[in-house]
Amino acid sequence: MRGTISNDKRVYIYESPFLKQGENGLSLNQLRAIFIKTFLNNQRAKYVAENYALEKEKRKISIWRKDGKVLSEDEVLKIDMIVPQIFETN
């Protein structure tokens, strides 16, 4: 696994020196939209309507369920595959 999980298993944390700064001019809202559409494999998914939250602070990304539930192993594995594809430089 590339990221880590908080002790309570509610937050996925991904830190990398390779995270893009500025993400080609995309806003945080646009990055969130790309994440949720990719994660749910649904191009019509809306970040605000779905049950996942994403925050980015410098080179750290945190993802959690808005309902406060623990992230399942399947969710963690899927997030772990998607986040580097979206946020890291080549």
Protein backbone atom coordinates (compact mmCIF):
# COMPACT_ATOMS: atom_id res chain seq x y z
CA MET A 1 0.00 0.00 0.00
CA ARG A 2 1.25 3.46 -0.89
CA GLY A 3 -0.81 5.44 1.61
CA THR A 4 -1.49 4.93 5.29
CA ILE A 5 -4.67 4.53 7.31
CA SER A 6 -5.36 6.40 10.53
CA ASN A 7 -5.49 4.34 13.72
CA ASP A 8 -9.28 4.41 13.74
CA LYS A 9 -9.33 3.30 10.06
CA ARG A 10 -11.51 6.24 9.05
CA VAL A 11 -8.98 8.33 7.10
CA TYR A 12 -6.72 7.37 4.20
CA ILE A 13 -3.58 9.54 4.12
CA TYR A 14 -1.27 9.81 1.14
CA GLU A 15 1.95 11.80 1.27
CA SER A 16 4.43 12.12 -1.55
CA PRO A 17 7.23 14.45 -2.60
CA PHE A 18 5.95 13.97 -6.15
CA LEU A 19 2.49 15.46 -5.67
CA LYS A 20 1.95 18.15 -8.25
CA GLN A 21 1.91 21.72 -7.08
CA GLY A 22 -0.94 23.46 -8.86
CA GLU A 23 -2.10 20.34 -10.76
CA ASN A 24 -1.94 22.04 -14.15
CA GLY A 25 -4.08 24.93 -12.95
CA LEU A 26 -6.93 22.74 -11.64
CA SER A 27 -8.76 23.96 -8.55
CA LEU A 28 -9.30 21.74 -5.51
CA ASN A 29 -12.95 21.40 -6.53
CA GLN A 30 -11.94 20.15 -9.99
CA LEU A 31 -9.49 17.66 -8.43
CA ARG A 32 -12.24 16.43 -6.10
CA ALA A 33 -14.56 15.96 -9.09
CA ILE A 34 -11.90 13.96 -10.97
CA PHE A 35 -11.32 11.81 -7.87
CA ILE A 36 -14.99 10.98 -7.22
CA LYS A 37 -15.74 10.23 -10.89
CA THR A 38 -12.71 7.94 -11.11
CA PHE A 39 -13.28 6.30 -7.73
CA LEU A 40 -16.95 5.52 -8.41
CA ASN A 41 -16.35 4.85 -12.11
CA ASN A 42 -19.27 7.15 -12.88
CA GLN A 43 -18.73 10.23 -15.02
CA ARG A 44 -21.96 11.77 -13.71
CA ALA A 45 -21.01 11.47 -10.03
CA LYS A 46 -20.95 14.75 -8.12
CA TYR A 47 -18.45 15.30 -5.30
CA VAL A 48 -20.94 17.14 -3.08
CA ALA A 49 -23.57 14.42 -3.42
CA GLU A 50 -21.30 11.45 -2.74
CA ASN A 51 -20.14 10.08 0.61
CA TYR A 52 -16.40 10.81 0.37
CA ALA A 53 -14.37 13.85 1.34
CA LEU A 54 -10.93 14.83 0.07
CA GLU A 55 -8.59 17.49 1.38
CA LYS A 56 -5.14 18.41 0.10
CA GLU A 57 -2.50 20.17 2.14
CA LYS A 58 0.78 20.77 0.32
CA ARG A 59 2.01 17.24 -0.44
CA LYS A 60 -0.53 15.37 1.70
CA ILE A 61 -3.97 14.12 0.69
CA SER A 62 -6.58 12.89 3.17
CA ILE A 63 -9.71 10.99 2.14
CA TRP A 64 -12.53 9.84 4.40
CA ARG A 65 -16.20 8.91 4.39
CA LYS A 66 -18.50 11.82 5.18
CA ASP A 67 -20.75 9.54 7.24
CA GLY A 68 -17.86 8.79 9.60
CA LYS A 69 -17.81 5.05 8.92
CA VAL A 70 -14.61 3.04 8.71
CA LEU A 71 -13.12 2.69 5.21
CA SER A 72 -13.45 -0.88 3.96
CA GLU A 73 -10.43 -2.79 2.70
CA ASP A 74 -11.82 -2.60 -0.85
CA GLU A 75 -12.25 1.18 -0.59
CA VAL A 76 -8.70 1.59 0.70
CA LEU A 77 -7.21 -0.55 -2.08
CA LYS A 78 -9.16 1.33 -4.73
CA ILE A 79 -8.19 4.74 -3.30
CA ASP A 80 -4.57 3.58 -3.10
CA MET A 81 -4.59 2.84 -6.84
CA ILE A 82 -6.43 5.99 -7.94
CA VAL A 83 -4.77 8.74 -5.92
CA PRO A 84 -1.26 8.40 -7.42
CA GLN A 85 -2.71 8.32 -10.94
CA ILE A 86 -4.53 11.60 -10.39
CA PHE A 87 -2.13 13.56 -8.25
CA GLU A 88 1.44 12.52 -9.06
CA THR A 89 3.64 13.81 -11.81
CA ASN A 90 5.04 11.37 -14.37
